[in-house]
Amino acid sequence: MQFAIRKDLAKLNRGDNDSTLAESELPPRMNDAVDTVTQKVYGGSKNSDNSKTAMALRNDLDKMLGKRDNWETPCLRELVNLCIV
């Protein structure tokens, strides 16, 4: 019974284009941000200065996604998922 209820609620949360409400709240440049995080966190050289890389990543994300104070929960979840995988 619980699964049927959840399935119905999931249908209610979908919009006209079959995307979930959370997906529709992602910033327009979220794909660019994901690529940047992946490249800088997992694709960097071992000889690079981590403090400079972290600062550059922070600045790049601010430019792509806007001020961090305005990031919505779905955006934060996507970023966290990249880092804890």
PDB file of N, CA and C in Angstrom:
ATOM      1  N   MET A   1       0.819  -1.194   0.000  1.00  0.00           N
ATOM      2  CA  MET A   1       0.000   0.000   0.000  1.00  0.00           C
ATOM      3  C   MET A   1       0.866   1.263   0.000  1.00  0.00           C
ATOM      4  N   GLN A   2       1.954   1.280   0.766  1.00  0.00           N
ATOM      5  CA  GLN A   2       2.795   2.460   0.845  1.00  0.00           C
ATOM      6  C   GLN A   2       3.411   2.796  -0.507  1.00  0.00           C
ATOM      7  N   PHE A   3       3.799   1.775  -1.257  1.00  0.00           N
ATOM      8  CA  PHE A   3       4.424   2.024  -2.542  1.00  0.00           C
ATOM      9  C   PHE A   3       3.452   2.664  -3.519  1.00  0.00           C
ATOM     10  N   ALA A   4       2.198   2.259  -3.475  1.00  0.00           N
ATOM     11  CA  ALA A   4       1.196   2.843  -4.363  1.00  0.00           C
ATOM     12  C   ALA A   4       0.995   4.316  -4.051  1.00  0.00           C
ATOM     13  N   ILE A   5       1.011   4.657  -2.793  1.00  0.00           N
ATOM     14  CA  ILE A   5       0.845   6.054  -2.397  1.00  0.00           C
ATOM     15  C   ILE A   5       2.034   6.872  -2.876  1.00  0.00           C
ATOM     16  N   ARG A   6       3.241   6.338  -2.670  1.00  0.00           N
ATOM     17  CA  ARG A   6       4.425   7.063  -3.107  1.00  0.00           C
ATOM     18  C   ARG A   6       4.439   7.250  -4.614  1.00  0.00           C
ATOM     19  N   LYS A   7       3.979   6.239  -5.330  1.00  0.00           N
ATOM     20  CA  LYS A   7       3.952   6.328  -6.785  1.00  0.00           C
ATOM     21  C   LYS A   7       3.005   7.437  -7.228  1.00  0.00           C
ATOM     22  N   ASP A   8       1.845   7.532  -6.567  1.00  0.00           N
ATOM     23  CA  ASP A   8       0.887   8.589  -6.894  1.00  0.00           C
ATOM     24  C   ASP A   8       1.452   9.963  -6.573  1.00  0.00           C
ATOM     25  N   LEU A   9       2.163  10.094  -5.452  1.00  0.00           N
ATOM     26  CA  LEU A   9       2.767  11.371  -5.103  1.00  0.00           C
ATOM     27  C   LEU A   9       3.850  11.757  -6.103  1.00  0.00           C
ATOM     28  N   ALA A  10       4.609  10.781  -6.569  1.00  0.00           N
ATOM     29  CA  ALA A  10       5.637  11.070  -7.566  1.00  0.00           C
ATOM     30  C   ALA A  10       5.014  11.592  -8.846  1.00  0.00           C
ATOM     31  N   LYS A  11       3.854  11.048  -9.226  1.00  0.00           N
ATOM     32  CA  LYS A  11       3.163  11.531 -10.427  1.00  0.00           C
ATOM     33  C   LYS A  11       2.712  12.975 -10.249  1.00  0.00           C
ATOM     34  N   LEU A  12       2.275  13.317  -9.046  1.00  0.00           N
ATOM     35  CA  LEU A  12       1.828  14.685  -8.786  1.00  0.00           C
ATOM     36  C   LEU A  12       2.976  15.684  -8.865  1.00  0.00           C
ATOM     37  N   ASN A  13       4.175  15.242  -8.525  1.00  0.00           N
ATOM     38  CA  ASN A  13       5.338  16.133  -8.527  1.00  0.00           C
ATOM     39  C   ASN A  13       5.930  16.330  -9.908  1.00  0.00           C
ATOM     40  N   ARG A  14       5.446  15.651 -10.898  1.00  0.00           N
ATOM     41  CA  ARG A  14       5.992  15.776 -12.250  1.00  0.00           C
ATOM     42  C   ARG A  14       5.265  16.882 -13.005  1.00  0.00           C
ATOM     43  N   GLY A  15       6.016  17.594 -13.807  1.00  0.00           N
ATOM     44  CA  GLY A  15       5.446  18.679 -14.597  1.00  0.00           C
ATOM     45  C   GLY A  15       5.005  18.196 -15.971  1.00  0.00           C
ATOM     46  N   ASP A  16       4.734  19.138 -16.849  1.00  0.00           N
ATOM     47  CA  ASP A  16       4.279  18.818 -18.197  1.00  0.00           C
ATOM     48  C   ASP A  16       5.345  18.098 -19.016  1.00  0.00           C
ATOM     49  N   ASN A  17       6.602  18.416 -18.786  1.00  0.00           N
ATOM     50  CA  ASN A  17       7.685  17.815 -19.570  1.00  0.00           C
ATOM     51  C   ASN A  17       8.244  16.558 -18.905  1.00  0.00           C
ATOM     52  N   ASP A  18       7.517  15.986 -17.942  1.00  0.00           N
ATOM     53  CA  ASP A  18       7.863  14.748 -17.249  1.00  0.00           C
ATOM     54  C   ASP A  18       9.132  14.868 -16.412  1.00  0.00           C
ATOM     55  N   SER A  19       9.493  16.072 -16.021  1.00  0.00           N
ATOM     56  CA  SER A  19      10.622  16.241 -15.108  1.00  0.00           C
ATOM     57  C   SER A  19      10.062  16.458 -13.706  1.00  0.00           C
ATOM     58  N   THR A  20      10.820  16.061 -12.717  1.00  0.00           N
ATOM     59  CA  THR A  20      10.366  16.241 -11.348  1.00  0.00           C
ATOM     60  C   THR A  20      10.519  17.702 -10.958  1.00  0.00           C
ATOM     61  N   LEU A  21       9.869  18.061  -9.886  1.00  0.00           N
ATOM     62  CA  LEU A  21       9.956  19.425  -9.388  1.00  0.00           C
ATOM     63  C   LEU A  21      11.397  19.783  -9.046  1.00  0.00           C
ATOM     64  N   ALA A  22      12.124  18.851  -8.439  1.00  0.00           N
ATOM     65  CA  ALA A  22      13.523  19.103  -8.082  1.00  0.00           C
ATOM     66  C   ALA A  22      14.374  19.343  -9.325  1.00  0.00           C
ATOM     67  N   GLU A  23      14.145  18.577 -10.380  1.00  0.00           N
ATOM     68  CA  GLU A  23      14.906  18.766 -11.610  1.00  0.00           C
ATOM     69  C   GLU A  23      14.636  20.121 -12.230  1.00  0.00           C
ATOM     70  N   SER A  24      13.427  20.613 -12.104  1.00  0.00           N
ATOM     71  CA  SER A  24      13.086  21.893 -12.707  1.00  0.00           C
ATOM     72  C   SER A  24      13.684  23.067 -11.928  1.00  0.00           C
ATOM     73  N   GLU A  25      14.096  22.842 -10.673  1.00  0.00           N
ATOM     74  CA  GLU A  25      14.671  23.906  -9.861  1.00  0.00           C
ATOM     75  C   GLU A  25      16.181  24.009  -9.999  1.00  0.00           C
ATOM     76  N   LEU A  26      16.794  23.140 -10.785  1.00  0.00           N
ATOM     77  CA  LEU A  26      18.238  23.207 -10.969  1.00  0.00           C
ATOM     78  C   LEU A  26      18.600  24.423 -11.814  1.00  0.00           C
ATOM     79  N   PRO A  27      19.723  25.059 -11.514  1.00  0.00           N
ATOM     80  CA  PRO A  27      20.155  26.209 -12.315  1.00  0.00           C
ATOM     81  C   PRO A  27      20.408  25.791 -13.773  1.00  0.00           C
ATOM     82  N   PRO A  28      20.273  26.717 -14.701  1.00  0.00           N
ATOM     83  CA  PRO A  28      20.453  26.386 -16.121  1.00  0.00           C
ATOM     84  C   PRO A  28      21.849  25.851 -16.452  1.00  0.00           C
ATOM     85  N   ARG A  29      22.864  26.280 -15.733  1.00  0.00           N
ATOM     86  CA  ARG A  29      24.234  25.854 -16.039  1.00  0.00           C
ATOM     87  C   ARG A  29      24.710  24.733 -15.106  1.00  0.00           C
ATOM     88  N   MET A  30      23.783  23.961 -14.567  1.00  0.00           N
ATOM     89  CA  MET A  30      24.150  22.889 -13.645  1.00  0.00           C
ATOM     90  C   MET A  30      25.046  21.855 -14.321  1.00  0.00           C
ATOM     91  N   ASN A  31      24.793  21.527 -15.569  1.00  0.00           N
ATOM     92  CA  ASN A  31      25.629  20.548 -16.279  1.00  0.00           C
ATOM     93  C   ASN A  31      27.068  21.040 -16.395  1.00  0.00           C
ATOM     94  N   ASP A  32      27.240  22.340 -16.652  1.00  0.00           N
ATOM     95  CA  ASP A  32      28.589  22.912 -16.705  1.00  0.00           C
ATOM     96  C   ASP A  32      29.274  22.817 -15.345  1.00  0.00           C
ATOM     97  N   ALA A  33      28.510  23.064 -14.283  1.00  0.00           N
ATOM     98  CA  ALA A  33      29.065  22.990 -12.935  1.00  0.00           C
ATOM     99  C   ALA A  33      29.491  21.560 -12.596  1.00  0.00           C
ATOM    100  N   VAL A  34      28.683  20.590 -12.982  1.00  0.00           N
ATOM    101  CA  VAL A  34      29.018  19.183 -12.741  1.00  0.00           C
ATOM    102  C   VAL A  34      30.311  18.815 -13.466  1.00  0.00           C
ATOM    103  N   ASP A  35      30.422  19.243 -14.709  1.00  0.00           N
ATOM    104  CA  ASP A  35      31.643  18.965 -15.481  1.00  0.00           C
ATOM    105  C   ASP A  35      32.868  19.610 -14.838  1.00  0.00           C
ATOM    106  N   THR A  36      32.722  20.841 -14.361  1.00  0.00           N
ATOM    107  CA  THR A  36      33.830  21.553 -13.739  1.00  0.00           C
ATOM    108  C   THR A  36      34.272  20.867 -12.449  1.00  0.00           C
ATOM    109  N   VAL A  37      33.311  20.477 -11.613  1.00  0.00           N
ATOM    110  CA  VAL A  37      33.648  19.791 -10.366  1.00  0.00           C
ATOM    111  C   VAL A  37      34.345  18.473 -10.677  1.00  0.00           C
ATOM    112  N   THR A  38      33.816  17.728 -11.604  1.00  0.00           N
ATOM    113  CA  THR A  38      34.408  16.438 -11.961  1.00  0.00           C
ATOM    114  C   THR A  38      35.838  16.610 -12.448  1.00  0.00           C
ATOM    115  N   GLN A  39      36.054  17.599 -13.287  1.00  0.00           N
ATOM    116  CA  GLN A  39      37.388  17.832 -13.838  1.00  0.00           C
ATOM    117  C   GLN A  39      38.372  18.278 -12.755  1.00  0.00           C
ATOM    118  N   LYS A  40      37.960  19.235 -11.925  1.00  0.00           N
ATOM    119  CA  LYS A  40      38.893  19.800 -10.944  1.00  0.00           C
ATOM    120  C   LYS A  40      39.116  18.898  -9.738  1.00  0.00           C
ATOM    121  N   VAL A  41      38.110  18.137  -9.350  1.00  0.00           N
ATOM    122  CA  VAL A  41      38.255  17.292  -8.171  1.00  0.00           C
ATOM    123  C   VAL A  41      38.878  15.952  -8.531  1.00  0.00           C
ATOM    124  N   TYR A  42      38.397  15.357  -9.610  1.00  0.00           N
ATOM    125  CA  TYR A  42      38.839  14.005  -9.942  1.00  0.00           C
ATOM    126  C   TYR A  42      39.830  13.937 -11.095  1.00  0.00           C
ATOM    127  N   GLY A  43      39.969  15.009 -11.858  1.00  0.00           N
ATOM    128  CA  GLY A  43      40.819  14.960 -13.032  1.00  0.00           C
ATOM    129  C   GLY A  43      42.090  15.777 -12.947  1.00  0.00           C
ATOM    130  N   GLY A  44      42.333  16.392 -11.793  1.00  0.00           N
ATOM    131  CA  GLY A  44      43.511  17.245 -11.647  1.00  0.00           C
ATOM    132  C   GLY A  44      44.782  16.447 -11.446  1.00  0.00           C
ATOM    133  N   SER A  45      45.886  17.121 -11.627  1.00  0.00           N
ATOM    134  CA  SER A  45      47.177  16.466 -11.405  1.00  0.00           C
ATOM    135  C   SER A  45      47.476  16.412  -9.906  1.00  0.00           C
ATOM    136  N   LYS A  46      48.280  15.468  -9.517  1.00  0.00           N
ATOM    137  CA  LYS A  46      48.610  15.302  -8.100  1.00  0.00           C
ATOM    138  C   LYS A  46      49.583  16.360  -7.611  1.00  0.00           C
ATOM    139  N   ASN A  47      50.248  17.039  -8.516  1.00  0.00           N
ATOM    140  CA  ASN A  47      51.224  18.059  -8.142  1.00  0.00           C
ATOM    141  C   ASN A  47      50.610  19.444  -7.965  1.00  0.00           C
ATOM    142  N   SER A  48      49.320  19.595  -8.233  1.00  0.00           N
ATOM    143  CA  SER A  48      48.707  20.917  -8.154  1.00  0.00           C
ATOM    144  C   SER A  48      48.479  21.322  -6.691  1.00  0.00           C
ATOM    145  N   ASP A  49      48.409  22.613  -6.468  1.00  0.00           N
ATOM    146  CA  ASP A  49      48.180  23.163  -5.132  1.00  0.00           C
ATOM    147  C   ASP A  49      46.684  23.073  -4.825  1.00  0.00           C
ATOM    148  N   ASN A  50      46.313  22.282  -3.832  1.00  0.00           N
ATOM    149  CA  ASN A  50      44.902  22.051  -3.519  1.00  0.00           C
ATOM    150  C   ASN A  50      44.181  23.310  -3.072  1.00  0.00           C
ATOM    151  N   SER A  51      44.852  24.204  -2.376  1.00  0.00           N
ATOM    152  CA  SER A  51      44.184  25.418  -1.910  1.00  0.00           C
ATOM    153  C   SER A  51      43.808  26.316  -3.088  1.00  0.00           C
ATOM    154  N   LYS A  52      44.687  26.401  -4.069  1.00  0.00           N
ATOM    155  CA  LYS A  52      44.378  27.215  -5.250  1.00  0.00           C
ATOM    156  C   LYS A  52      43.277  26.571  -6.076  1.00  0.00           C
ATOM    157  N   THR A  53      43.307  25.253  -6.176  1.00  0.00           N
ATOM    158  CA  THR A  53      42.273  24.541  -6.923  1.00  0.00           C
ATOM    159  C   THR A  53      40.912  24.729  -6.264  1.00  0.00           C
ATOM    160  N   ALA A  54      40.874  24.657  -4.936  1.00  0.00           N
ATOM    161  CA  ALA A  54      39.621  24.831  -4.202  1.00  0.00           C
ATOM    162  C   ALA A  54      39.068  26.242  -4.390  1.00  0.00           C
ATOM    163  N   MET A  55      39.934  27.238  -4.328  1.00  0.00           N
ATOM    164  CA  MET A  55      39.488  28.625  -4.527  1.00  0.00           C
ATOM    165  C   MET A  55      38.973  28.840  -5.945  1.00  0.00           C
ATOM    166  N   ALA A  56      39.681  28.284  -6.914  1.00  0.00           N
ATOM    167  CA  ALA A  56      39.257  28.428  -8.306  1.00  0.00           C
ATOM    168  C   ALA A  56      37.919  27.732  -8.535  1.00  0.00           C
ATOM    169  N   LEU A  57      37.750  26.557  -7.930  1.00  0.00           N
ATOM    170  CA  LEU A  57      36.488  25.830  -8.078  1.00  0.00           C
ATOM    171  C   LEU A  57      35.342  26.617  -7.455  1.00  0.00           C
ATOM    172  N   ARG A  58      35.572  27.158  -6.280  1.00  0.00           N
ATOM    173  CA  ARG A  58      34.540  27.950  -5.623  1.00  0.00           C
ATOM    174  C   ARG A  58      34.136  29.142  -6.482  1.00  0.00           C
ATOM    175  N   ASN A  59      35.121  29.841  -7.024  1.00  0.00           N
ATOM    176  CA  ASN A  59      34.831  31.006  -7.869  1.00  0.00           C
ATOM    177  C   ASN A  59      34.111  30.599  -9.155  1.00  0.00           C
ATOM    178  N   ASP A  60      34.530  29.486  -9.752  1.00  0.00           N
ATOM    179  CA  ASP A  60      33.874  29.001 -10.973  1.00  0.00           C
ATOM    180  C   ASP A  60      32.414  28.642 -10.717  1.00  0.00           C
ATOM    181  N   LEU A  61      32.157  27.973  -9.598  1.00  0.00           N
ATOM    182  CA  LEU A  61      30.776  27.597  -9.270  1.00  0.00           C
ATOM    183  C   LEU A  61      29.923  28.829  -8.999  1.00  0.00           C
ATOM    184  N   ASP A  62      30.499  29.812  -8.334  1.00  0.00           N
ATOM    185  CA  ASP A  62      29.756  31.057  -8.096  1.00  0.00           C
ATOM    186  C   ASP A  62      29.385  31.739  -9.411  1.00  0.00           C
ATOM    187  N   LYS A  63      30.284  31.715 -10.372  1.00  0.00           N
ATOM    188  CA  LYS A  63      29.999  32.333 -11.672  1.00  0.00           C
ATOM    189  C   LYS A  63      28.924  31.568 -12.432  1.00  0.00           C
ATOM    190  N   MET A  64      28.962  30.246 -12.348  1.00  0.00           N
ATOM    191  CA  MET A  64      28.013  29.419 -13.107  1.00  0.00           C
ATOM    192  C   MET A  64      26.640  29.344 -12.465  1.00  0.00           C
ATOM    193  N   LEU A  65      26.613  29.234 -11.135  1.00  0.00           N
ATOM    194  CA  LEU A  65      25.349  28.956 -10.446  1.00  0.00           C
ATOM    195  C   LEU A  65      24.780  30.147  -9.687  1.00  0.00           C
ATOM    196  N   GLY A  66      25.521  31.239  -9.654  1.00  0.00           N
ATOM    197  CA  GLY A  66      25.066  32.403  -8.899  1.00  0.00           C
ATOM    198  C   GLY A  66      25.589  32.358  -7.474  1.00  0.00           C
ATOM    199  N   LYS A  67      25.148  33.301  -6.664  1.00  0.00           N
ATOM    200  CA  LYS A  67      25.624  33.388  -5.277  1.00  0.00           C
ATOM    201  C   LYS A  67      25.212  32.130  -4.513  1.00  0.00           C
ATOM    202  N   ARG A  68      26.114  31.648  -3.686  1.00  0.00           N
ATOM    203  CA  ARG A  68      25.858  30.420  -2.930  1.00  0.00           C
ATOM    204  C   ARG A  68      24.677  30.552  -1.980  1.00  0.00           C
ATOM    205  N   ASP A  69      24.407  31.748  -1.510  1.00  0.00           N
ATOM    206  CA  ASP A  69      23.262  31.956  -0.621  1.00  0.00           C
ATOM    207  C   ASP A  69      21.937  31.659  -1.309  1.00  0.00           C
ATOM    208  N   ASN A  70      21.929  31.713  -2.629  1.00  0.00           N
ATOM    209  CA  ASN A  70      20.696  31.527  -3.386  1.00  0.00           C
ATOM    210  C   ASN A  70      20.535  30.120  -3.966  1.00  0.00           C
ATOM    211  N   TRP A  71      21.492  29.237  -3.717  1.00  0.00           N
ATOM    212  CA  TRP A  71      21.387  27.882  -4.242  1.00  0.00           C
ATOM    213  C   TRP A  71      20.264  27.138  -3.526  1.00  0.00           C
ATOM    214  N   GLU A  72      19.414  26.494  -4.294  1.00  0.00           N
ATOM    215  CA  GLU A  72      18.304  25.733  -3.740  1.00  0.00           C
ATOM    216  C   GLU A  72      18.768  24.326  -3.354  1.00  0.00           C
ATOM    217  N   THR A  73      17.981  23.640  -2.586  1.00  0.00           N
ATOM    218  CA  THR A  73      18.313  22.302  -2.098  1.00  0.00           C
ATOM    219  C   THR A  73      18.620  21.313  -3.222  1.00  0.00           C
ATOM    220  N   PRO A  74      17.852  21.268  -4.314  1.00  0.00           N
ATOM    221  CA  PRO A  74      18.193  20.318  -5.386  1.00  0.00           C
ATOM    222  C   PRO A  74      19.586  20.548  -5.972  1.00  0.00           C
ATOM    223  N   CYS A  75      19.987  21.795  -6.082  1.00  0.00           N
ATOM    224  CA  CYS A  75      21.318  22.128  -6.584  1.00  0.00           C
ATOM    225  C   CYS A  75      22.384  21.624  -5.609  1.00  0.00           C
ATOM    226  N   LEU A  76      22.189  21.856  -4.333  1.00  0.00           N
ATOM    227  CA  LEU A  76      23.143  21.409  -3.329  1.00  0.00           C
ATOM    228  C   LEU A  76      23.248  19.888  -3.299  1.00  0.00           C
ATOM    229  N   ARG A  77      22.121  19.212  -3.464  1.00  0.00           N
ATOM    230  CA  ARG A  77      22.138  17.747  -3.473  1.00  0.00           C
ATOM    231  C   ARG A  77      22.951  17.213  -4.651  1.00  0.00           C
ATOM    232  N   GLU A  78      22.801  17.836  -5.799  1.00  0.00           N
ATOM    233  CA  GLU A  78      23.574  17.399  -6.977  1.00  0.00           C
ATOM    234  C   GLU A  78      25.068  17.563  -6.730  1.00  0.00           C
ATOM    235  N   LEU A  79      25.457  18.675  -6.138  1.00  0.00           N
ATOM    236  CA  LEU A  79      26.868  18.923  -5.863  1.00  0.00           C
ATOM    237  C   LEU A  79      27.415  17.962  -4.816  1.00  0.00           C
ATOM    238  N   VAL A  80      26.644  17.699  -3.783  1.00  0.00           N
ATOM    239  CA  VAL A  80      27.084  16.765  -2.744  1.00  0.00           C
ATOM    240  C   VAL A  80      27.218  15.356  -3.319  1.00  0.00           C
ATOM    241  N   ASN A  81      26.289  14.962  -4.174  1.00  0.00           N
ATOM    242  CA  ASN A  81      26.363  13.638  -4.781  1.00  0.00           C
ATOM    243  C   ASN A  81      27.655  13.459  -5.568  1.00  0.00           C
ATOM    244  N   LEU A  82      28.132  14.505  -6.191  1.00  0.00           N
ATOM    245  CA  LEU A  82      29.404  14.429  -6.914  1.00  0.00           C
ATOM    246  C   LEU A  82      30.573  14.161  -5.983  1.00  0.00           C
ATOM    247  N   CYS A  83      30.518  14.764  -4.820  1.00  0.00           N
ATOM    248  CA  CYS A  83      31.659  14.705  -3.904  1.00  0.00           C
ATOM    249  C   CYS A  83      31.689  13.450  -3.042  1.00  0.00           C
ATOM    250  N   ILE A  84      30.548  12.814  -2.803  1.00  0.00           N
ATOM    251  CA  ILE A  84      30.543  11.643  -1.921  1.00  0.00           C
ATOM    252  C   ILE A  84      30.507  10.322  -2.673  1.00  0.00           C
ATOM    253  N   VAL A  85      30.547  10.387  -3.963  1.00  0.00           N
ATOM    254  CA  VAL A  85      30.512   9.152  -4.748  1.00  0.00           C
ATOM    255  C   VAL A  85      31.817   8.418  -4.649  1.00  0.00           C
TER     256      VAL A  85
END
